[in-house]
C-alpha atoms as a PDB file:
ATOM      1  CA  MET A   1       0.000   0.000   0.000  1.00  0.00           C
ATOM      2  CA  LEU A   2       1.276   3.457  -0.897  1.00  0.00           C
ATOM      3  CA  HIS A   3       0.914   5.610   2.210  1.00  0.00           C
ATOM      4  CA  ASP A   4       2.383   9.004   1.372  1.00  0.00           C
ATOM      5  CA  ILE A   5       3.734  11.114  -1.419  1.00  0.00           C
ATOM      6  CA  CYS A   6       5.360  14.183   0.138  1.00  0.00           C
ATOM      7  CA  VAL A   7       6.345  17.163  -1.970  1.00  0.00           C
ATOM      8  CA  SER A   8       7.961  20.539  -1.519  1.00  0.00           C
ATOM      9  CA  LYS A   9       6.178  23.408  -3.206  1.00  0.00           C
ATOM     10  CA  THR A  10       9.273  25.669  -3.417  1.00  0.00           C
ATOM     11  CA  GLY A  11      10.135  24.828  -7.016  1.00  0.00           C
ATOM     12  CA  THR A  12       6.493  24.877  -7.994  1.00  0.00           C
ATOM     13  CA  LEU A  13       6.015  28.394  -6.666  1.00  0.00           C
ATOM     14  CA  THR A  14       9.213  29.918  -8.026  1.00  0.00           C
ATOM     15  CA  ASN A  15       9.521  28.077 -11.354  1.00  0.00           C
ATOM     16  CA  GLY A  16       5.944  27.011 -12.031  1.00  0.00           C
ATOM     17  CA  GLU A  17       6.994  23.359 -12.205  1.00  0.00           C
ATOM     18  CA  MET A  18       8.005  20.516  -9.929  1.00  0.00           C
ATOM     19  CA  SER A  19      10.630  17.813 -10.287  1.00  0.00           C
ATOM     20  CA  VAL A  20      11.588  14.816  -8.202  1.00  0.00           C
ATOM     21  CA  VAL A  21      15.065  15.257  -6.694  1.00  0.00           C
ATOM     22  CA  LYS A  22      14.856  12.695  -3.873  1.00  0.00           C
ATOM     23  CA  TYR A  23      12.630   9.782  -3.059  1.00  0.00           C
ATOM     24  CA  GLN A  24      12.346   7.421  -0.122  1.00  0.00           C
ATOM     25  CA  ILE A  25      10.818   3.971  -0.088  1.00  0.00           C
ATOM     26  CA  CYS A  26      10.836   2.514   3.400  1.00  0.00           C
ATOM     27  CA  ASP A  27      14.349   3.209   4.730  1.00  0.00           C
ATOM     28  CA  ASP A  28      15.927   3.558   1.280  1.00  0.00           C
ATOM     29  CA  LEU A  29      16.489   7.297   0.614  1.00  0.00           C
ATOM     30  CA  LYS A  30      17.906   8.150  -2.816  1.00  0.00           C
ATOM     31  CA  ALA A  31      18.801  11.418  -4.519  1.00  0.00           C
ATOM     32  CA  ILE A  32      18.168  12.103  -8.172  1.00  0.00           C
ATOM     33  CA  ASP A  33      20.302  15.251  -8.191  1.00  0.00           C
ATOM     34  CA  ASN A  34      23.955  15.552  -7.216  1.00  0.00           C
ATOM     35  CA  ASP A  35      23.332  15.968  -3.501  1.00  0.00           C
ATOM     36  CA  PRO A  36      26.542  14.718  -1.815  1.00  0.00           C
ATOM     37  CA  ILE A  37      24.602  13.572   1.261  1.00  0.00           C
ATOM     38  CA  TYR A  38      22.724  10.877  -0.656  1.00  0.00           C
ATOM     39  CA  ASP A  39      23.826   8.351  -3.244  1.00  0.00           C
ATOM     40  CA  PRO A  40      22.424   9.239  -6.679  1.00  0.00           C
ATOM     41  CA  ASP A  41      20.101   6.594  -8.047  1.00  0.00           C
ATOM     42  CA  ASN A  42      18.008   5.747 -11.073  1.00  0.00           C
ATOM     43  CA  PHE A  43      14.602   4.506  -9.969  1.00  0.00           C
ATOM     44  CA  ASN A  44      14.263   1.845 -12.660  1.00  0.00           C
ATOM     45  CA  LYS A  45      17.810   0.526 -12.147  1.00  0.00           C
ATOM     46  CA  SER A  46      17.761   0.504  -8.346  1.00  0.00           C
ATOM     47  CA  GLN A  47      18.699  -2.877  -6.923  1.00  0.00           C
ATOM     48  CA  ASN A  48      17.330  -1.960  -3.481  1.00  0.00           C
ATOM     49  CA  ILE A  49      13.712  -1.615  -4.621  1.00  0.00           C
ATOM     50  CA  SER A  50      11.844  -4.719  -5.726  1.00  0.00           C
ATOM     51  CA  ASP A  51      10.314  -4.761  -9.199  1.00  0.00           C
ATOM     52  CA  ASP A  52       6.884  -5.277  -7.614  1.00  0.00           C
ATOM     53  CA  ILE A  53       7.212  -2.060  -5.590  1.00  0.00           C
ATOM     54  CA  LYS A  54       8.465  -0.124  -8.637  1.00  0.00           C
ATOM     55  CA  LEU A  55       5.499  -1.358 -10.656  1.00  0.00           C
ATOM     56  CA  TYR A  56       3.104  -0.485  -7.842  1.00  0.00           C
ATOM     57  CA  ILE A  57       4.446   3.090  -7.598  1.00  0.00           C
ATOM     58  CA  LYS A  58       4.187   3.534 -11.369  1.00  0.00           C
ATOM     59  CA  GLU A  59       0.620   2.218 -11.350  1.00  0.00           C
ATOM     60  CA  CYS A  60      -0.296   4.606  -8.510  1.00  0.00           C
ATOM     61  CA  ILE A  61       1.008   7.557 -10.507  1.00  0.00           C
ATOM     62  CA  TYR A  62      -0.699   6.459 -13.735  1.00  0.00           C
ATOM     63  CA  SER A  63      -3.997   5.716 -12.005  1.00  0.00           C
ATOM     64  CA  ASN A  64      -4.176   9.046 -10.194  1.00  0.00           C
ATOM     65  CA  THR A  65      -3.163  11.585 -12.807  1.00  0.00           C
ATOM     66  CA  ASP A  66      -5.005  13.894 -15.170  1.00  0.00           C
ATOM     67  CA  VAL A  67      -1.775  14.801 -16.982  1.00  0.00           C
ATOM     68  CA  ARG A  68      -1.954  14.975 -20.754  1.00  0.00           C
ATOM     69  CA  ILE A  69       1.011  14.397 -23.040  1.00  0.00           C
ATOM     70  CA  GLU A  70       1.715  16.884 -25.831  1.00  0.00           C
ATOM     71  CA  MET A  71       4.384  16.937 -28.508  1.00  0.00           C
ATOM     72  CA  ASP A  72       6.919  19.747 -28.080  1.00  0.00           C
ATOM     73  CA  ASP A  73       7.842  20.683 -31.648  1.00  0.00           C
ATOM     74  CA  GLU A  74      11.057  22.449 -30.605  1.00  0.00           C
ATOM     75  CA  LYS A  75      12.370  19.573 -28.481  1.00  0.00           C
ATOM     76  CA  MET A  76      10.781  16.882 -30.687  1.00  0.00           C
ATOM     77  CA  SER A  77       9.693  14.988 -27.597  1.00  0.00           C
ATOM     78  CA  TYR A  78       6.598  14.412 -25.503  1.00  0.00           C
ATOM     79  CA  VAL A  79       5.988  16.847 -22.660  1.00  0.00           C
ATOM     80  CA  PRO A  80       3.519  16.325 -19.811  1.00  0.00           C
ATOM     81  CA  LYS A  81       1.029  19.146 -19.214  1.00  0.00           C
ATOM     82  CA  GLY A  82      -1.305  19.725 -16.300  1.00  0.00           C
ATOM     83  CA  GLU A  83      -1.173  20.250 -12.556  1.00  0.00           C
ATOM     84  CA  PRO A  84       2.467  20.839 -11.463  1.00  0.00           C
ATOM     85  CA  ILE A  85       2.726  18.049  -8.866  1.00  0.00           C
ATOM     86  CA  GLU A  86       1.279  15.460 -11.238  1.00  0.00           C
ATOM     87  CA  VAL A  87       3.477  16.739 -14.084  1.00  0.00           C
ATOM     88  CA  GLY A  88       6.521  16.379 -11.805  1.00  0.00           C
ATOM     89  CA  LEU A  89       5.658  12.765 -11.018  1.00  0.00           C
ATOM     90  CA  VAL A  90       5.058  11.930 -14.690  1.00  0.00           C
ATOM     91  CA  LYS A  91       8.343  13.652 -15.651  1.00  0.00           C
ATOM     92  CA  PHE A  92      10.050  11.450 -13.036  1.00  0.00           C
ATOM     93  CA  LEU A  93       8.736   8.390 -14.878  1.00  0.00           C
ATOM     94  CA  LEU A  94       9.761   9.792 -18.277  1.00  0.00           C
ATOM     95  CA  GLU A  95      13.276  10.554 -17.017  1.00  0.00           C
ATOM     96  CA  ASN A  96      13.559   6.950 -15.854  1.00  0.00           C
ATOM     97  CA  GLY A  97      12.788   5.540 -19.289  1.00  0.00           C
ATOM     98  CA  GLU A  98       9.116   4.781 -18.759  1.00  0.00           C
ATOM     99  CA  ASN A  99       6.961   4.821 -21.920  1.00  0.00           C
ATOM    100  CA  VAL A 100       4.449   7.265 -20.436  1.00  0.00           C
ATOM    101  CA  PRO A 101       2.597   8.162 -23.671  1.00  0.00           C
ATOM    102  CA  GLU A 102       1.849   4.503 -24.354  1.00  0.00           C
ATOM    103  CA  MET A 103       0.701   3.868 -20.778  1.00  0.00           C
ATOM    104  CA  LEU A 104      -1.561   6.935 -20.707  1.00  0.00           C
ATOM    105  CA  ILE A 105      -3.086   6.100 -24.096  1.00  0.00           C
ATOM    106  CA  SER A 106      -3.769   2.514 -23.029  1.00  0.00           C
ATOM    107  CA  ARG A 107      -5.710   3.814 -19.997  1.00  0.00           C
ATOM    108  CA  ASN A 108      -8.200   5.770 -22.130  1.00  0.00           C
END
């Protein structure tokens, strides 16, 4: 069971967008950025998180988002649009190699 998703609104307020820079699953705290206090990690490649838990977290994000995916003609890539916290979580999945457009289309 997923109990909590905790976020900081600082980036959302100042930049108008949110991104995942750290995550914690049970006692396993990982940094996405270059924070020297924590070991950097890639969510999909983490050996400390079981595949079942990774899948469950992805499903929770997919099942509870109203994000839409649009093509950015300048970047020639898909960009999530919508509420900043949900966009940040979907960008986290995209940055970890998840095929978000396919998953969102299959849900409709």
